[in-house]
């Protein structure tokens, strides 16, 4: 009985330690607005929001809307002139990069990238990136050829992809879902082209 109690206590303690680790907020201290003074960016793992406090705005809280995330692995990290929010999942994931826009005086989403492993045969696997300031999209995707029983790389796709300007104070997951949908559409278009070209060669 004592062993059982000790085991339960041990398991509970492990869960508490794990919960503390996963619920710890990510906090960055950096010069986000490039005025020579340190600003603060926090990813709140309980509320699932990103908060930014800028010296040029008297450290007033700028908050995103609630975000969907994988608790243990998601977080924020510093990048050149800004920060990145990452959501790595088991079979897919994405990054969102933010910088300060001096003209409108807001924290702006400037770039996204995403990856997918696809199903077991990796059909639809690959990654893509989009520069939201220039609207330049690049995708490197693969499809599984049933006849050859192997994965075929689609040549790098370069297109223009338009999204509305997005700022931290109105950020939610909508733009990521739209990005994912557009990636899937582009992949299917390019895969269809390659399959048609392959079929044409056989005739």
Protein backbone atom coordinates (compact mmCIF):
# COMPACT_ATOMS: atom_id res chain seq x y z
CA UNK A 1 0.00 0.00 0.00
CA UNK A 2 2.85 2.34 0.89
CA UNK A 3 4.55 1.60 -2.44
CA UNK A 4 1.34 2.43 -4.30
CA UNK A 5 1.00 5.74 -2.44
CA UNK A 6 4.64 6.60 -3.15
CA UNK A 7 4.13 5.75 -6.82
CA UNK A 8 1.06 8.00 -7.03
CA UNK A 9 2.95 10.84 -5.34
CA UNK A 10 5.87 10.35 -7.71
CA UNK A 11 3.63 10.41 -10.79
CA UNK A 12 1.79 13.48 -9.49
CA UNK A 13 5.10 15.26 -8.86
CA UNK A 14 6.28 14.46 -12.40
CA UNK A 15 3.05 15.83 -13.82
CA UNK A 16 3.40 19.00 -11.75
CA UNK A 17 6.98 19.52 -12.93
CA UNK A 18 5.93 18.92 -16.54
CA UNK A 19 2.99 21.31 -16.19
CA UNK A 20 5.25 23.98 -14.73
CA UNK A 21 7.69 23.60 -17.61
CA UNK A 22 5.00 23.67 -20.29
CA UNK A 23 3.09 26.56 -18.72
CA UNK A 24 6.13 28.78 -18.31
CA UNK A 25 5.71 31.91 -20.41
CA UNK A 26 8.23 32.75 -23.11
CA UNK A 27 9.65 36.22 -22.49
CA UNK A 28 11.92 38.13 -24.86
CA UNK A 29 13.72 41.38 -24.14
CA UNK A 30 14.78 43.14 -27.33
CA UNK A 31 14.71 46.48 -29.08
CA UNK A 32 11.61 45.76 -31.13
CA UNK A 33 10.86 49.33 -32.22
CA UNK A 34 14.55 50.16 -32.86
CA UNK A 35 14.74 53.21 -30.61
CA UNK A 36 17.72 52.01 -28.58
CA UNK A 37 15.56 50.93 -25.62
CA UNK A 38 14.60 47.41 -24.63
CA UNK A 39 11.03 46.22 -25.23
CA UNK A 40 9.27 43.09 -23.99
CA UNK A 41 7.47 40.34 -25.89
CA UNK A 42 5.65 37.62 -23.93
CA UNK A 43 3.90 34.45 -25.09
CA UNK A 44 1.33 33.60 -22.43
CA UNK A 45 0.82 29.82 -22.51
CA UNK A 46 -2.28 29.96 -20.31
CA UNK A 47 -4.19 32.64 -22.22
CA UNK A 48 -2.59 31.61 -25.54
CA UNK A 49 -1.82 35.18 -26.52
CA UNK A 50 1.26 37.19 -27.49
CA UNK A 51 1.77 40.48 -25.65
CA UNK A 52 4.20 43.18 -26.73
CA UNK A 53 5.21 46.24 -24.71
CA UNK A 54 7.12 48.92 -26.63
CA UNK A 55 9.09 51.80 -25.17
CA UNK A 56 7.88 54.13 -27.95
CA UNK A 57 4.31 53.46 -26.76
CA UNK A 58 5.03 53.86 -23.04
CA UNK A 59 5.03 50.07 -22.61
CA UNK A 60 1.28 49.83 -23.18
CA UNK A 61 0.21 46.19 -23.70
CA UNK A 62 -0.41 45.21 -27.32
CA UNK A 63 -2.16 41.83 -27.35
CA UNK A 64 -3.01 39.30 -30.02
CA UNK A 65 -6.25 37.38 -30.04
CA UNK A 66 -6.25 33.84 -28.62
CA UNK A 67 -4.09 31.51 -30.71
CA UNK A 68 -4.17 27.77 -31.32
CA UNK A 69 -0.92 26.09 -30.28
CA UNK A 70 0.80 22.90 -29.14
CA UNK A 71 1.55 23.70 -25.52
CA UNK A 72 4.97 22.13 -25.00
CA UNK A 73 6.73 22.94 -28.28
CA UNK A 74 5.20 26.25 -29.35
CA UNK A 75 6.78 29.54 -28.42
CA UNK A 76 8.51 32.72 -29.48
CA UNK A 77 12.14 33.39 -30.33
CA UNK A 78 14.15 36.43 -31.30
CA UNK A 79 15.02 37.09 -34.94
CA UNK A 80 16.70 40.04 -36.65
CA UNK A 81 14.67 43.18 -35.84
CA UNK A 82 11.80 41.21 -34.37
CA UNK A 83 10.49 37.88 -33.14
CA UNK A 84 9.11 34.62 -34.50
CA UNK A 85 6.13 32.62 -33.23
CA UNK A 86 6.46 28.88 -33.93
CA UNK A 87 3.90 26.09 -33.83
CA UNK A 88 5.55 22.74 -34.60
CA UNK A 89 3.14 19.82 -34.72
CA UNK A 90 3.73 16.12 -35.35
CA UNK A 91 3.02 16.14 -39.11
CA UNK A 92 2.89 19.86 -39.87
CA UNK A 93 3.84 23.23 -38.45
CA UNK A 94 4.52 26.88 -39.14
CA UNK A 95 6.40 30.04 -38.18
CA UNK A 96 5.11 33.62 -38.14
CA UNK A 97 7.68 36.43 -38.13
CA UNK A 98 6.97 39.91 -36.77
CA UNK A 99 8.71 43.26 -37.09
CA UNK A 100 7.86 46.81 -36.09
CA UNK A 101 6.40 49.02 -38.81
CA UNK A 102 7.62 52.55 -38.09
CA UNK A 103 5.17 54.16 -40.49
CA UNK A 104 1.98 52.85 -38.89
CA UNK A 105 3.69 52.29 -35.52
CA UNK A 106 2.46 48.73 -35.19
CA UNK A 107 3.94 45.25 -34.81
CA UNK A 108 3.37 43.66 -38.21
CA UNK A 109 3.34 40.07 -39.46
CA UNK A 110 5.98 40.16 -42.22
CA UNK A 111 6.64 36.53 -43.12
CA UNK A 112 5.24 33.02 -42.72
CA UNK A 113 6.61 29.60 -43.48
CA UNK A 114 5.11 26.16 -43.06
CA UNK A 115 5.91 22.48 -43.55
CA UNK A 116 4.01 19.23 -43.93
CA UNK A 117 5.06 15.59 -43.93
CA UNK A 118 1.78 14.38 -45.45
CA UNK A 119 0.41 10.83 -44.97
CA UNK A 120 2.54 7.69 -44.67
CA UNK A 121 3.72 7.91 -48.30
CA UNK A 122 4.56 11.64 -47.83
CA UNK A 123 2.28 12.73 -50.67
CA UNK A 124 1.95 16.50 -50.33
CA UNK A 125 5.02 16.79 -48.13
CA UNK A 126 7.34 19.77 -48.29
CA UNK A 127 7.57 23.36 -47.15
CA UNK A 128 6.83 26.89 -48.29
CA UNK A 129 7.44 30.49 -47.34
CA UNK A 130 5.85 33.83 -48.08
CA UNK A 131 7.20 37.35 -47.71
CA UNK A 132 4.14 39.38 -46.75
CA UNK A 133 5.86 42.68 -47.57
CA UNK A 134 6.55 41.71 -51.21
CA UNK A 135 3.81 39.02 -51.60
CA UNK A 136 6.45 36.58 -52.91
CA UNK A 137 5.59 32.91 -52.35
CA UNK A 138 7.94 29.94 -52.77
CA UNK A 139 6.95 26.32 -52.30
CA UNK A 140 8.96 23.10 -52.41
CA UNK A 141 6.50 20.20 -52.49
CA UNK A 142 6.53 16.49 -53.31
CA UNK A 143 3.93 14.06 -54.56
CA UNK A 144 3.86 10.29 -54.48
CA UNK A 145 3.81 8.61 -57.88
CA UNK A 146 1.69 5.47 -57.62
CA UNK A 147 3.12 3.98 -60.86
CA UNK A 148 6.74 4.48 -59.88
CA UNK A 149 6.12 3.87 -56.16
CA UNK A 150 8.33 6.77 -55.20
CA UNK A 151 8.23 10.38 -54.09
CA UNK A 152 8.62 12.96 -56.87
CA UNK A 153 9.81 16.51 -56.20
CA UNK A 154 7.82 19.29 -57.85
CA UNK A 155 10.11 22.08 -59.15
CA UNK A 156 10.20 25.07 -56.81
CA UNK A 157 6.99 27.03 -57.21
CA UNK A 158 7.25 30.82 -57.30
CA UNK A 159 4.11 32.92 -57.32
CA UNK A 160 2.55 36.08 -55.99
CA UNK A 161 0.23 35.47 -53.04
CA UNK A 162 -1.75 38.34 -51.56
CA UNK A 163 -2.83 38.62 -47.94
CA UNK A 164 -4.18 41.68 -46.13
CA UNK A 165 -1.74 43.49 -43.87
CA UNK A 166 -1.87 41.82 -40.47
CA UNK A 167 -0.83 43.38 -37.16
CA UNK A 168 -0.33 41.83 -33.76
CA UNK A 169 -3.31 43.59 -32.18
CA UNK A 170 -5.70 41.81 -34.59
CA UNK A 171 -3.78 38.55 -35.00
CA UNK A 172 -5.57 35.21 -34.86
CA UNK A 173 -5.16 31.86 -36.67
CA UNK A 174 -7.28 32.82 -39.69
CA UNK A 175 -4.33 33.91 -41.82
CA UNK A 176 -2.48 30.65 -41.13
CA UNK A 177 -5.50 28.56 -42.16
CA UNK A 178 -5.89 30.60 -45.35
CA UNK A 179 -2.19 30.21 -46.09
CA UNK A 180 -2.48 26.44 -45.62
CA UNK A 181 -5.51 26.27 -47.94
CA UNK A 182 -3.71 28.26 -50.65
CA UNK A 183 -0.65 26.01 -50.33
CA UNK A 184 -2.85 22.94 -50.78
CA UNK A 185 -4.50 24.45 -53.86
CA UNK A 186 -1.13 25.28 -55.43
CA UNK A 187 0.22 21.81 -54.67
CA UNK A 188 -2.78 20.10 -56.27
CA UNK A 189 -2.52 22.32 -59.35
CA UNK A 190 1.16 21.58 -59.85
CA UNK A 191 0.72 17.87 -59.12
CA UNK A 192 -2.09 17.69 -61.72
CA UNK A 193 0.11 19.43 -64.31
CA UNK A 194 2.94 16.97 -63.77
CA UNK A 195 0.64 13.95 -63.93
CA UNK A 196 -0.94 15.24 -67.15
CA UNK A 197 2.50 15.85 -68.67
CA UNK A 198 3.54 12.33 -67.69
CA UNK A 199 0.38 10.85 -69.24
CA UNK A 200 0.93 12.87 -72.43
CA UNK A 201 4.45 11.45 -72.83
CA UNK A 202 3.03 7.93 -72.70
CA UNK A 203 0.68 8.58 -75.63
